[in-house]
């Protein structure tokens, strides 16, 4: 839930204006609009990567404003996959679980389940630097969901490559939403993607919501 959310930058640019929204558990919500309309800023504020000028963000009953990004039950898939090239696929997926000090058996079980889900079991021992871009994208998604987040945030630049890869990514995040029950918030400036992406499309312009449509 977003309540009266505002973002103004030091130079005076107002990116988000008094935005209030409620998103249900398990929804797939697409934020659509031109560059500079505030849609990516909203995702970054929810994820804790961008300071909030005013307003409140709740996940369930928990106020997120002052909670560190790593302590929010969220996962983020942004432009830079942030994979570690010197580690293999298994260790990249397991990283967040190890930082949470989970038992080795649980880590192993979750990594293998994620690998099976994304059909990358056969590359678990390969170094990131030798796998292709499509595989890197799936490793990044695997690492995102392995910690069982309540919400997955996906920026349009995550699938910045060719159209075929964007379609692959859309299939993967729809499966994450439907089969794992994770709420997905997706940002795009491509109108065609709004028709195939999610159940709810929030159209934005100049930092404000201009339309909410259910697909």
N, C-alpha and C. Protein backbone atom coordinates (compact mmCIF):
# COMPACT_ATOMS: atom_id res chain seq x y z
N UNK A 1 0.83 -1.18 0.00
CA UNK A 1 0.00 0.00 0.00
C UNK A 1 0.88 1.25 0.00
N UNK A 2 0.61 2.16 -0.92
CA UNK A 2 1.31 3.44 -0.99
C UNK A 2 0.34 4.53 -0.56
N UNK A 3 0.76 5.35 0.40
CA UNK A 3 -0.12 6.41 0.91
C UNK A 3 0.55 7.77 0.74
N UNK A 4 -0.06 8.59 -0.12
CA UNK A 4 0.39 9.97 -0.33
C UNK A 4 1.90 10.05 -0.58
N UNK A 5 2.37 9.21 -1.51
CA UNK A 5 3.80 9.09 -1.77
C UNK A 5 4.27 10.23 -2.68
N UNK A 6 5.37 10.87 -2.27
CA UNK A 6 5.95 11.97 -3.04
C UNK A 6 7.45 11.79 -3.16
N UNK A 7 7.98 12.19 -4.32
CA UNK A 7 9.43 12.22 -4.52
C UNK A 7 9.81 13.48 -5.28
N UNK A 8 10.59 14.35 -4.61
CA UNK A 8 11.12 15.55 -5.23
C UNK A 8 12.63 15.53 -5.11
N UNK A 9 13.32 15.71 -6.22
CA UNK A 9 14.78 15.68 -6.22
C UNK A 9 15.35 17.04 -5.81
N UNK A 10 16.62 17.07 -5.38
CA UNK A 10 17.24 18.33 -4.92
C UNK A 10 17.17 19.47 -5.95
N UNK A 11 17.13 19.12 -7.23
CA UNK A 11 17.05 20.18 -8.26
C UNK A 11 15.64 20.71 -8.46
N UNK A 12 14.69 20.18 -7.66
CA UNK A 12 13.31 20.65 -7.72
C UNK A 12 12.39 19.82 -8.59
N UNK A 13 12.95 18.85 -9.33
CA UNK A 13 12.11 18.01 -10.20
C UNK A 13 11.21 17.11 -9.36
N UNK A 14 9.92 17.16 -9.63
CA UNK A 14 8.95 16.32 -8.91
C UNK A 14 8.70 15.07 -9.74
N UNK A 15 9.15 13.93 -9.22
CA UNK A 15 9.05 12.66 -9.96
C UNK A 15 7.75 11.93 -9.67
N UNK A 16 7.31 11.96 -8.41
CA UNK A 16 6.07 11.29 -8.00
C UNK A 16 5.26 12.26 -7.16
N UNK A 17 3.96 12.39 -7.50
CA UNK A 17 3.12 13.39 -6.87
C UNK A 17 1.96 12.75 -6.10
N UNK A 18 2.04 12.77 -4.80
CA UNK A 18 0.91 12.41 -3.93
C UNK A 18 0.19 11.14 -4.39
N UNK A 19 0.96 10.08 -4.55
CA UNK A 19 0.44 8.83 -5.11
C UNK A 19 -0.08 7.92 -4.00
N UNK A 20 -1.30 7.43 -4.17
CA UNK A 20 -1.88 6.45 -3.25
C UNK A 20 -2.40 5.26 -4.05
N UNK A 21 -1.96 4.05 -3.66
CA UNK A 21 -2.35 2.83 -4.36
C UNK A 21 -2.46 1.68 -3.37
N UNK A 22 -3.33 0.73 -3.68
CA UNK A 22 -3.37 -0.51 -2.90
C UNK A 22 -3.26 -1.68 -3.87
N UNK A 23 -2.34 -2.58 -3.60
CA UNK A 23 -2.11 -3.76 -4.44
C UNK A 23 -2.34 -5.01 -3.60
N UNK A 24 -3.15 -5.91 -4.13
CA UNK A 24 -3.49 -7.12 -3.39
C UNK A 24 -2.37 -8.16 -3.47
N UNK A 25 -2.33 -9.05 -2.47
CA UNK A 25 -1.39 -10.17 -2.49
C UNK A 25 -1.60 -10.99 -3.76
N UNK A 26 -0.50 -11.34 -4.42
CA UNK A 26 -0.58 -12.22 -5.57
C UNK A 26 -0.92 -11.55 -6.88
N UNK A 27 -1.11 -10.24 -6.89
CA UNK A 27 -1.41 -9.54 -8.14
C UNK A 27 -0.16 -9.40 -9.00
N UNK A 28 -0.37 -9.25 -10.30
CA UNK A 28 0.68 -8.88 -11.24
C UNK A 28 0.30 -7.50 -11.75
N UNK A 29 1.05 -6.50 -11.32
CA UNK A 29 0.72 -5.11 -11.64
C UNK A 29 1.79 -4.51 -12.54
N UNK A 30 1.35 -3.91 -13.64
CA UNK A 30 2.27 -3.27 -14.58
C UNK A 30 2.12 -1.76 -14.47
N UNK A 31 3.24 -1.08 -14.23
CA UNK A 31 3.28 0.38 -14.28
C UNK A 31 3.72 0.77 -15.68
N UNK A 32 2.87 1.54 -16.38
CA UNK A 32 3.13 1.89 -17.78
C UNK A 32 3.16 3.40 -17.95
N UNK A 33 4.12 3.85 -18.78
CA UNK A 33 4.17 5.28 -19.09
C UNK A 33 5.49 5.64 -19.72
N UNK A 34 5.62 6.88 -20.22
CA UNK A 34 6.85 7.31 -20.88
C UNK A 34 7.99 7.49 -19.89
N UNK A 35 9.20 7.59 -20.42
CA UNK A 35 10.37 7.85 -19.57
C UNK A 35 10.16 9.14 -18.79
N UNK A 36 10.53 9.10 -17.50
CA UNK A 36 10.41 10.29 -16.68
C UNK A 36 9.07 10.49 -16.01
N UNK A 37 8.16 9.50 -16.15
CA UNK A 37 6.82 9.66 -15.57
C UNK A 37 6.77 9.25 -14.10
N UNK A 38 7.87 8.65 -13.58
CA UNK A 38 7.92 8.30 -12.17
C UNK A 38 7.75 6.83 -11.86
N UNK A 39 7.51 6.02 -12.88
CA UNK A 39 7.20 4.60 -12.62
C UNK A 39 8.38 3.84 -12.03
N UNK A 40 9.59 4.05 -12.55
CA UNK A 40 10.76 3.37 -12.00
C UNK A 40 11.13 3.91 -10.63
N UNK A 41 10.88 5.20 -10.42
CA UNK A 41 11.14 5.81 -9.11
C UNK A 41 10.29 5.15 -8.04
N UNK A 42 9.05 4.83 -8.38
CA UNK A 42 8.16 4.16 -7.42
C UNK A 42 8.75 2.81 -7.02
N UNK A 43 9.20 2.04 -8.00
CA UNK A 43 9.80 0.74 -7.69
C UNK A 43 11.02 0.89 -6.79
N UNK A 44 11.86 1.88 -7.09
CA UNK A 44 13.08 2.08 -6.29
C UNK A 44 12.75 2.53 -4.87
N UNK A 45 11.69 3.31 -4.70
CA UNK A 45 11.28 3.71 -3.35
C UNK A 45 10.73 2.51 -2.58
N UNK A 46 9.96 1.66 -3.25
CA UNK A 46 9.44 0.46 -2.59
C UNK A 46 10.60 -0.43 -2.17
N UNK A 47 11.60 -0.55 -3.05
CA UNK A 47 12.75 -1.41 -2.75
C UNK A 47 13.74 -0.81 -1.78
N UNK A 48 13.60 0.48 -1.48
CA UNK A 48 14.52 1.13 -0.55
C UNK A 48 15.77 1.67 -1.20
N UNK A 49 15.79 1.70 -2.53
CA UNK A 49 16.95 2.22 -3.24
C UNK A 49 16.86 3.72 -3.48
N UNK A 50 15.70 4.28 -3.20
CA UNK A 50 15.47 5.71 -3.40
C UNK A 50 14.79 6.26 -2.15
N UNK A 51 15.28 7.38 -1.63
CA UNK A 51 14.66 8.00 -0.47
C UNK A 51 13.28 8.53 -0.81
N UNK A 52 12.39 8.48 0.17
CA UNK A 52 11.03 9.01 0.01
C UNK A 52 11.02 10.46 0.52
N UNK A 53 10.44 11.37 -0.26
CA UNK A 53 10.33 12.76 0.20
C UNK A 53 9.25 12.86 1.28
N UNK A 54 8.09 12.26 1.01
CA UNK A 54 7.02 12.18 2.01
C UNK A 54 6.07 11.06 1.61
N UNK A 55 5.25 10.65 2.56
CA UNK A 55 4.32 9.55 2.31
C UNK A 55 4.77 8.28 2.99
N UNK A 56 3.99 7.22 2.83
CA UNK A 56 4.26 5.96 3.51
C UNK A 56 4.10 4.77 2.56
N UNK A 57 4.94 3.77 2.77
CA UNK A 57 4.85 2.52 2.02
C UNK A 57 4.69 1.38 3.02
N UNK A 58 3.65 0.59 2.84
CA UNK A 58 3.38 -0.55 3.72
C UNK A 58 3.47 -1.85 2.93
N UNK A 59 4.04 -2.87 3.56
CA UNK A 59 3.97 -4.24 3.06
C UNK A 59 3.17 -5.01 4.10
N UNK A 60 1.90 -5.29 3.76
CA UNK A 60 1.00 -5.77 4.80
C UNK A 60 0.79 -4.66 5.81
N UNK A 61 1.06 -4.96 7.07
CA UNK A 61 0.93 -3.95 8.13
C UNK A 61 2.27 -3.30 8.47
N UNK A 62 3.35 -3.75 7.80
CA UNK A 62 4.69 -3.24 8.13
C UNK A 62 5.00 -1.97 7.35
N UNK A 63 5.34 -0.90 8.07
CA UNK A 63 5.77 0.34 7.44
C UNK A 63 7.22 0.17 6.99
N UNK A 64 7.46 0.35 5.68
CA UNK A 64 8.78 0.07 5.13
C UNK A 64 9.72 1.28 5.13
N UNK A 65 9.19 2.47 5.36
CA UNK A 65 9.99 3.69 5.16
C UNK A 65 11.39 3.64 5.74
N UNK A 66 11.52 3.15 6.95
CA UNK A 66 12.82 3.18 7.63
C UNK A 66 13.47 1.80 7.74
N UNK A 67 12.94 0.83 6.99
CA UNK A 67 13.51 -0.51 7.01
C UNK A 67 14.56 -0.62 5.90
N UNK A 68 15.73 -1.14 6.23
CA UNK A 68 16.80 -1.27 5.25
C UNK A 68 16.37 -2.19 4.10
N UNK A 69 16.86 -1.93 2.88
CA UNK A 69 16.47 -2.75 1.74
C UNK A 69 16.64 -4.24 1.98
N UNK A 70 17.73 -4.65 2.62
CA UNK A 70 17.98 -6.07 2.82
C UNK A 70 17.01 -6.71 3.80
N UNK A 71 16.33 -5.88 4.60
CA UNK A 71 15.40 -6.40 5.59
C UNK A 71 13.94 -6.36 5.12
N UNK A 72 13.73 -5.91 3.90
CA UNK A 72 12.37 -5.91 3.34
C UNK A 72 12.13 -7.25 2.64
N UNK A 73 10.93 -7.76 2.75
CA UNK A 73 10.62 -9.06 2.13
C UNK A 73 10.31 -8.87 0.65
N UNK A 74 11.32 -8.33 -0.05
CA UNK A 74 11.19 -7.98 -1.46
C UNK A 74 12.37 -8.55 -2.23
N UNK A 75 12.20 -8.71 -3.52
CA UNK A 75 13.31 -9.05 -4.40
C UNK A 75 13.27 -8.09 -5.58
N UNK A 76 14.43 -7.72 -6.09
CA UNK A 76 14.51 -6.74 -7.15
C UNK A 76 15.27 -7.29 -8.35
N UNK A 77 14.74 -7.06 -9.54
CA UNK A 77 15.41 -7.43 -10.78
C UNK A 77 15.55 -6.17 -11.62
N UNK A 78 16.73 -5.56 -11.55
CA UNK A 78 16.96 -4.31 -12.24
C UNK A 78 18.01 -4.49 -13.34
N UNK A 79 18.40 -3.39 -13.97
CA UNK A 79 19.21 -3.45 -15.19
C UNK A 79 20.48 -4.27 -15.04
N UNK A 80 21.23 -4.01 -14.01
CA UNK A 80 22.45 -4.78 -13.79
C UNK A 80 22.08 -6.04 -13.01
N UNK A 81 22.35 -7.20 -13.59
CA UNK A 81 22.00 -8.44 -12.92
C UNK A 81 22.71 -8.59 -11.57
N UNK A 82 23.83 -7.86 -11.41
CA UNK A 82 24.61 -7.91 -10.16
C UNK A 82 25.02 -9.34 -9.80
N UNK A 83 25.41 -10.07 -10.82
CA UNK A 83 25.94 -11.41 -10.60
C UNK A 83 27.45 -11.33 -10.45
N UNK A 84 28.01 -12.25 -9.70
CA UNK A 84 29.45 -12.25 -9.46
C UNK A 84 30.13 -13.22 -10.42
N UNK A 85 30.91 -12.66 -11.36
CA UNK A 85 31.46 -13.45 -12.46
C UNK A 85 32.47 -14.50 -11.99
N UNK A 86 33.10 -14.27 -10.82
CA UNK A 86 34.10 -15.23 -10.34
C UNK A 86 33.46 -16.41 -9.61
N UNK A 87 32.15 -16.33 -9.36
CA UNK A 87 31.44 -17.42 -8.70
C UNK A 87 30.66 -18.23 -9.73
N UNK A 88 30.33 -19.47 -9.38
CA UNK A 88 29.51 -20.25 -10.28
C UNK A 88 28.03 -19.93 -10.06
N UNK A 89 27.19 -20.52 -10.89
CA UNK A 89 25.74 -20.25 -10.83
C UNK A 89 25.16 -20.62 -9.47
N UNK A 90 25.55 -21.79 -8.97
CA UNK A 90 25.04 -22.26 -7.66
C UNK A 90 25.32 -21.22 -6.58
N UNK A 91 26.55 -20.75 -6.50
CA UNK A 91 26.93 -19.82 -5.43
C UNK A 91 26.27 -18.45 -5.60
N UNK A 92 26.02 -18.04 -6.83
CA UNK A 92 25.31 -16.78 -7.05
C UNK A 92 23.87 -16.88 -6.53
N UNK A 93 23.22 -17.98 -6.83
CA UNK A 93 21.84 -18.15 -6.37
C UNK A 93 21.79 -18.28 -4.85
N UNK A 94 22.78 -18.94 -4.28
CA UNK A 94 22.79 -19.21 -2.84
C UNK A 94 23.20 -18.01 -1.99
N UNK A 95 23.73 -16.97 -2.62
CA UNK A 95 24.35 -15.88 -1.86
C UNK A 95 23.43 -15.27 -0.81
N UNK A 96 22.22 -14.92 -1.20
CA UNK A 96 21.29 -14.29 -0.26
C UNK A 96 20.92 -15.19 0.90
N UNK A 97 20.83 -16.49 0.62
CA UNK A 97 20.50 -17.45 1.67
C UNK A 97 21.64 -17.57 2.67
N UNK A 98 22.88 -17.55 2.16
CA UNK A 98 24.03 -17.64 3.05
C UNK A 98 24.16 -16.40 3.92
N UNK A 99 23.81 -15.24 3.35
CA UNK A 99 23.86 -14.00 4.13
C UNK A 99 22.84 -14.02 5.27
N UNK A 100 21.80 -14.83 5.10
CA UNK A 100 20.78 -14.98 6.15
C UNK A 100 21.12 -16.13 7.10
N UNK A 101 22.29 -16.75 6.89
CA UNK A 101 22.78 -17.82 7.77
C UNK A 101 21.83 -19.01 7.86
N UNK A 102 21.22 -19.36 6.74
CA UNK A 102 20.35 -20.53 6.74
C UNK A 102 21.19 -21.80 6.73
N UNK A 103 20.65 -22.90 7.26
CA UNK A 103 21.38 -24.17 7.27
C UNK A 103 21.73 -24.63 5.86
N UNK A 104 22.85 -25.34 5.75
CA UNK A 104 23.35 -25.76 4.44
C UNK A 104 22.34 -26.60 3.67
N UNK A 105 21.60 -27.50 4.38
CA UNK A 105 20.64 -28.36 3.70
C UNK A 105 19.51 -27.55 3.08
N UNK A 106 19.06 -26.52 3.79
CA UNK A 106 17.97 -25.67 3.28
C UNK A 106 18.46 -24.88 2.08
N UNK A 107 19.68 -24.36 2.17
CA UNK A 107 20.25 -23.62 1.04
C UNK A 107 20.32 -24.51 -0.19
N UNK A 108 20.83 -25.71 -0.02
CA UNK A 108 20.98 -26.64 -1.14
C UNK A 108 19.62 -26.98 -1.75
N UNK A 109 18.64 -27.23 -0.89
CA UNK A 109 17.31 -27.59 -1.37
C UNK A 109 16.68 -26.45 -2.17
N UNK A 110 16.79 -25.23 -1.65
CA UNK A 110 16.17 -24.08 -2.32
C UNK A 110 16.87 -23.75 -3.64
N UNK A 111 18.20 -23.82 -3.64
CA UNK A 111 18.93 -23.53 -4.88
C UNK A 111 18.55 -24.53 -5.96
N UNK A 112 18.47 -25.80 -5.60
CA UNK A 112 18.14 -26.83 -6.60
C UNK A 112 16.69 -26.70 -7.08
N UNK A 113 15.79 -26.30 -6.20
CA UNK A 113 14.40 -26.09 -6.62
C UNK A 113 14.31 -24.91 -7.60
N UNK A 114 15.04 -23.83 -7.29
CA UNK A 114 15.05 -22.66 -8.18
C UNK A 114 15.65 -23.02 -9.53
N UNK A 115 16.74 -23.79 -9.50
CA UNK A 115 17.38 -24.19 -10.74
C UNK A 115 16.44 -25.04 -11.60
N UNK A 116 15.70 -25.93 -10.95
CA UNK A 116 14.73 -26.76 -11.68
C UNK A 116 13.62 -25.89 -12.26
N UNK A 117 13.14 -24.93 -11.48
CA UNK A 117 12.05 -24.05 -11.91
C UNK A 117 12.43 -23.28 -13.17
N UNK A 118 13.69 -22.81 -13.21
CA UNK A 118 14.14 -22.00 -14.34
C UNK A 118 14.92 -22.81 -15.39
N UNK A 119 14.94 -24.13 -15.22
CA UNK A 119 15.59 -25.03 -16.18
C UNK A 119 17.07 -24.68 -16.38
N UNK A 120 17.77 -24.46 -15.27
CA UNK A 120 19.21 -24.17 -15.36
C UNK A 120 20.03 -25.14 -14.49
N UNK A 121 19.45 -26.29 -14.20
CA UNK A 121 20.14 -27.28 -13.37
C UNK A 121 21.48 -27.70 -13.98
N UNK A 122 21.53 -27.76 -15.31
CA UNK A 122 22.73 -28.25 -15.98
C UNK A 122 23.89 -27.25 -15.98
N UNK A 123 23.66 -26.01 -15.50
CA UNK A 123 24.75 -25.02 -15.50
C UNK A 123 25.13 -24.57 -14.09
N UNK A 124 24.66 -25.27 -13.07
CA UNK A 124 24.91 -24.85 -11.69
C UNK A 124 26.40 -24.72 -11.37
N UNK A 125 27.22 -25.54 -11.97
CA UNK A 125 28.65 -25.51 -11.66
C UNK A 125 29.45 -24.58 -12.58
N UNK A 126 28.79 -23.97 -13.54
CA UNK A 126 29.50 -23.10 -14.48
C UNK A 126 29.68 -21.70 -13.90
N UNK A 127 30.81 -21.08 -14.24
CA UNK A 127 31.06 -19.70 -13.84
C UNK A 127 30.15 -18.77 -14.64
N UNK A 128 29.76 -17.66 -14.02
CA UNK A 128 28.88 -16.70 -14.66
C UNK A 128 29.47 -16.19 -15.97
N UNK A 129 30.76 -16.01 -16.01
CA UNK A 129 31.38 -15.40 -17.19
C UNK A 129 31.29 -16.28 -18.45
N UNK A 130 30.94 -17.56 -18.30
CA UNK A 130 30.91 -18.43 -19.48
C UNK A 130 29.48 -18.76 -19.93
N UNK A 131 28.47 -18.29 -19.22
CA UNK A 131 27.09 -18.58 -19.63
C UNK A 131 26.55 -17.42 -20.46
N UNK A 132 25.48 -17.67 -21.22
CA UNK A 132 24.95 -16.63 -22.10
C UNK A 132 24.00 -15.68 -21.37
N UNK A 133 23.57 -14.63 -22.07
CA UNK A 133 22.75 -13.59 -21.44
C UNK A 133 21.40 -14.12 -20.97
N UNK A 134 20.79 -14.99 -21.75
CA UNK A 134 19.50 -15.56 -21.35
C UNK A 134 19.64 -16.35 -20.05
N UNK A 135 20.73 -17.10 -19.92
CA UNK A 135 20.97 -17.87 -18.71
C UNK A 135 21.26 -16.94 -17.52
N UNK A 136 22.01 -15.87 -17.76
CA UNK A 136 22.28 -14.90 -16.69
C UNK A 136 20.98 -14.30 -16.17
N UNK A 137 20.06 -14.01 -17.08
CA UNK A 137 18.77 -13.46 -16.70
C UNK A 137 18.02 -14.41 -15.78
N UNK A 138 18.07 -15.70 -16.10
CA UNK A 138 17.37 -16.69 -15.29
C UNK A 138 18.08 -16.94 -13.95
N UNK A 139 19.40 -16.85 -13.95
CA UNK A 139 20.13 -16.96 -12.68
C UNK A 139 19.74 -15.80 -11.77
N UNK A 140 19.65 -14.60 -12.33
CA UNK A 140 19.27 -13.43 -11.54
C UNK A 140 17.86 -13.59 -10.97
N UNK A 141 16.94 -14.12 -11.76
CA UNK A 141 15.59 -14.36 -11.27
C UNK A 141 15.57 -15.46 -10.22
N UNK A 142 16.40 -16.50 -10.44
CA UNK A 142 16.50 -17.57 -9.45
C UNK A 142 16.98 -17.05 -8.12
N UNK A 143 18.00 -16.21 -8.15
CA UNK A 143 18.50 -15.63 -6.91
C UNK A 143 17.45 -14.75 -6.25
N UNK A 144 16.62 -14.09 -7.07
CA UNK A 144 15.59 -13.21 -6.52
C UNK A 144 14.51 -14.00 -5.77
N UNK A 145 14.09 -15.13 -6.32
CA UNK A 145 12.95 -15.84 -5.72
C UNK A 145 13.36 -16.86 -4.67
N UNK A 146 14.65 -17.22 -4.60
CA UNK A 146 15.08 -18.28 -3.71
C UNK A 146 14.89 -17.91 -2.24
N UNK A 147 14.85 -16.61 -1.95
CA UNK A 147 14.64 -16.16 -0.57
C UNK A 147 13.16 -16.03 -0.21
N UNK A 148 12.30 -16.47 -1.14
CA UNK A 148 10.85 -16.47 -0.94
C UNK A 148 10.31 -15.08 -0.58
N UNK A 149 10.53 -14.10 -1.46
CA UNK A 149 10.01 -12.75 -1.20
C UNK A 149 8.50 -12.70 -1.36
N UNK A 150 7.89 -11.69 -0.74
CA UNK A 150 6.46 -11.48 -0.93
C UNK A 150 6.18 -10.73 -2.22
N UNK A 151 7.16 -9.91 -2.64
CA UNK A 151 6.98 -9.07 -3.82
C UNK A 151 8.25 -9.12 -4.67
N UNK A 152 8.08 -9.23 -6.00
CA UNK A 152 9.19 -9.13 -6.93
C UNK A 152 9.04 -7.85 -7.73
N UNK A 153 10.08 -7.01 -7.72
CA UNK A 153 10.09 -5.74 -8.46
C UNK A 153 10.93 -5.94 -9.71
N UNK A 154 10.36 -5.67 -10.88
CA UNK A 154 11.07 -5.87 -12.14
C UNK A 154 11.05 -4.59 -12.96
N UNK A 155 12.23 -4.01 -13.19
CA UNK A 155 12.33 -2.81 -14.01
C UNK A 155 12.47 -3.22 -15.47
N UNK A 156 11.95 -2.38 -16.37
CA UNK A 156 11.96 -2.72 -17.80
C UNK A 156 13.38 -2.94 -18.32
N UNK A 157 14.37 -2.27 -17.76
CA UNK A 157 15.74 -2.41 -18.24
C UNK A 157 16.34 -3.77 -17.90
N UNK A 158 15.66 -4.54 -17.06
CA UNK A 158 16.15 -5.88 -16.74
C UNK A 158 16.19 -6.74 -18.00
N UNK A 159 15.25 -6.49 -18.90
CA UNK A 159 15.22 -7.22 -20.18
C UNK A 159 15.58 -6.25 -21.30
N UNK A 160 16.72 -5.65 -21.16
CA UNK A 160 17.11 -4.58 -22.08
C UNK A 160 17.59 -5.11 -23.43
N UNK A 161 17.69 -6.43 -23.54
CA UNK A 161 18.24 -7.00 -24.76
C UNK A 161 17.18 -7.09 -25.86
N UNK A 162 17.28 -8.06 -26.70
CA UNK A 162 16.37 -8.16 -27.85
C UNK A 162 14.96 -8.56 -27.43
N UNK A 163 14.04 -8.43 -28.38
CA UNK A 163 12.63 -8.67 -28.11
C UNK A 163 12.36 -10.11 -27.70
N UNK A 164 13.09 -11.05 -28.29
CA UNK A 164 12.90 -12.46 -27.94
C UNK A 164 13.21 -12.67 -26.46
N UNK A 165 14.29 -12.04 -25.98
CA UNK A 165 14.66 -12.22 -24.58
C UNK A 165 13.64 -11.55 -23.66
N UNK A 166 13.09 -10.43 -24.09
CA UNK A 166 12.04 -9.78 -23.29
C UNK A 166 10.85 -10.73 -23.14
N UNK A 167 10.49 -11.41 -24.24
CA UNK A 167 9.35 -12.34 -24.18
C UNK A 167 9.65 -13.52 -23.26
N UNK A 168 10.90 -13.99 -23.31
CA UNK A 168 11.31 -15.06 -22.39
C UNK A 168 11.17 -14.61 -20.94
N UNK A 169 11.64 -13.39 -20.69
CA UNK A 169 11.57 -12.84 -19.34
C UNK A 169 10.12 -12.70 -18.88
N UNK A 170 9.24 -12.23 -19.79
CA UNK A 170 7.83 -12.09 -19.43
C UNK A 170 7.23 -13.44 -19.06
N UNK A 171 7.59 -14.48 -19.81
CA UNK A 171 7.07 -15.82 -19.48
C UNK A 171 7.55 -16.25 -18.10
N UNK A 172 8.81 -15.97 -17.81
CA UNK A 172 9.37 -16.38 -16.52
C UNK A 172 8.70 -15.65 -15.36
N UNK A 173 8.51 -14.34 -15.49
CA UNK A 173 7.92 -13.62 -14.35
C UNK A 173 6.43 -13.91 -14.21
N UNK A 174 5.75 -14.26 -15.31
CA UNK A 174 4.35 -14.69 -15.17
C UNK A 174 4.29 -16.01 -14.42
N UNK A 175 5.24 -16.92 -14.71
CA UNK A 175 5.29 -18.19 -13.97
C UNK A 175 5.58 -17.95 -12.49
N UNK A 176 6.50 -17.04 -12.20
CA UNK A 176 6.81 -16.70 -10.81
C UNK A 176 5.55 -16.24 -10.09
N UNK A 177 4.77 -15.42 -10.77
CA UNK A 177 3.53 -14.90 -10.18
C UNK A 177 2.49 -16.00 -9.99
N UNK A 178 2.25 -16.79 -11.04
CA UNK A 178 1.17 -17.78 -10.99
C UNK A 178 1.52 -19.02 -10.19
N UNK A 179 2.73 -19.54 -10.37
CA UNK A 179 3.09 -20.81 -9.76
C UNK A 179 3.68 -20.66 -8.36
N UNK A 180 4.36 -19.55 -8.10
CA UNK A 180 4.94 -19.33 -6.78
C UNK A 180 4.10 -18.39 -5.92
N UNK A 181 3.12 -17.73 -6.53
CA UNK A 181 2.22 -16.85 -5.78
C UNK A 181 2.86 -15.56 -5.31
N UNK A 182 3.94 -15.15 -5.98
CA UNK A 182 4.64 -13.93 -5.58
C UNK A 182 4.03 -12.73 -6.30
N UNK A 183 3.71 -11.68 -5.57
CA UNK A 183 3.22 -10.45 -6.16
C UNK A 183 4.31 -9.86 -7.04
N UNK A 184 3.94 -9.44 -8.26
CA UNK A 184 4.92 -8.87 -9.19
C UNK A 184 4.52 -7.43 -9.54
N UNK A 185 5.49 -6.52 -9.43
CA UNK A 185 5.32 -5.15 -9.89
C UNK A 185 6.31 -4.95 -11.02
N UNK A 186 5.79 -4.67 -12.22
CA UNK A 186 6.62 -4.59 -13.42
C UNK A 186 6.48 -3.22 -14.06
N UNK A 187 7.59 -2.66 -14.50
CA UNK A 187 7.61 -1.34 -15.12
C UNK A 187 7.94 -1.48 -16.60
N UNK A 188 7.18 -0.81 -17.46
CA UNK A 188 7.47 -0.83 -18.89
C UNK A 188 6.99 0.45 -19.56
N UNK A 189 7.63 0.79 -20.67
CA UNK A 189 7.12 1.89 -21.51
C UNK A 189 6.61 1.35 -22.84
N UNK A 190 6.45 0.02 -22.92
CA UNK A 190 5.96 -0.63 -24.14
C UNK A 190 4.49 -1.01 -23.95
N UNK A 191 3.62 -0.35 -24.69
CA UNK A 191 2.19 -0.61 -24.53
C UNK A 191 1.83 -2.07 -24.81
N UNK A 192 2.49 -2.66 -25.80
CA UNK A 192 2.19 -4.05 -26.15
C UNK A 192 2.39 -5.01 -24.99
N UNK A 193 3.37 -4.70 -24.12
CA UNK A 193 3.64 -5.59 -22.98
C UNK A 193 2.54 -5.52 -21.92
N UNK A 194 1.84 -4.40 -21.87
CA UNK A 194 0.79 -4.28 -20.86
C UNK A 194 -0.36 -5.25 -21.12
N UNK A 195 -0.53 -5.63 -22.38
CA UNK A 195 -1.63 -6.53 -22.73
C UNK A 195 -1.34 -7.98 -22.36
N UNK A 196 -0.05 -8.33 -22.28
CA UNK A 196 0.31 -9.72 -22.00
C UNK A 196 0.91 -9.90 -20.61
N UNK A 197 1.18 -8.79 -19.92
CA UNK A 197 1.94 -8.89 -18.67
C UNK A 197 1.07 -9.30 -17.50
N UNK A 198 0.21 -8.40 -17.04
CA UNK A 198 -0.43 -8.68 -15.77
C UNK A 198 -1.91 -8.44 -15.73
N UNK A 199 -2.45 -8.55 -14.51
CA UNK A 199 -3.88 -8.42 -14.32
C UNK A 199 -4.31 -6.97 -14.19
N UNK A 200 -3.37 -6.09 -13.81
CA UNK A 200 -3.72 -4.69 -13.58
C UNK A 200 -2.66 -3.80 -14.21
N UNK A 201 -3.09 -2.79 -14.98
CA UNK A 201 -2.18 -1.85 -15.61
C UNK A 201 -2.42 -0.46 -15.03
N UNK A 202 -1.35 0.12 -14.47
CA UNK A 202 -1.43 1.46 -13.90
C UNK A 202 -0.68 2.39 -14.85
N UNK A 203 -1.42 3.25 -15.55
CA UNK A 203 -0.82 4.19 -16.50
C UNK A 203 -0.46 5.48 -15.79
N UNK A 204 0.76 5.97 -16.07
CA UNK A 204 1.26 7.16 -15.38
C UNK A 204 1.70 8.23 -16.36
N UNK A 205 1.61 9.47 -15.90
CA UNK A 205 2.14 10.60 -16.65
C UNK A 205 2.49 11.71 -15.66
N UNK A 206 3.69 12.25 -15.79
CA UNK A 206 4.14 13.36 -14.95
C UNK A 206 3.99 13.08 -13.46
N UNK A 207 4.34 11.84 -13.06
CA UNK A 207 4.35 11.51 -11.65
C UNK A 207 3.01 11.17 -11.04
N UNK A 208 1.97 11.09 -11.87
CA UNK A 208 0.63 10.83 -11.36
C UNK A 208 -0.02 9.67 -12.11
N UNK A 209 -0.94 8.99 -11.43
CA UNK A 209 -1.72 7.92 -12.06
C UNK A 209 -2.82 8.56 -12.89
N UNK A 210 -2.89 8.19 -14.17
CA UNK A 210 -3.95 8.73 -15.03
C UNK A 210 -5.01 7.68 -15.35
N UNK A 211 -4.68 6.40 -15.13
CA UNK A 211 -5.67 5.35 -15.41
C UNK A 211 -5.24 4.06 -14.73
N UNK A 212 -6.23 3.31 -14.25
CA UNK A 212 -6.00 1.96 -13.73
C UNK A 212 -6.96 1.03 -14.44
N UNK A 213 -6.40 0.03 -15.12
CA UNK A 213 -7.22 -0.88 -15.91
C UNK A 213 -6.92 -2.31 -15.53
N UNK A 214 -7.96 -3.11 -15.37
CA UNK A 214 -7.80 -4.54 -15.13
C UNK A 214 -7.91 -5.28 -16.45
N UNK A 215 -6.96 -6.20 -16.66
CA UNK A 215 -6.92 -6.97 -17.92
C UNK A 215 -7.77 -8.22 -17.78
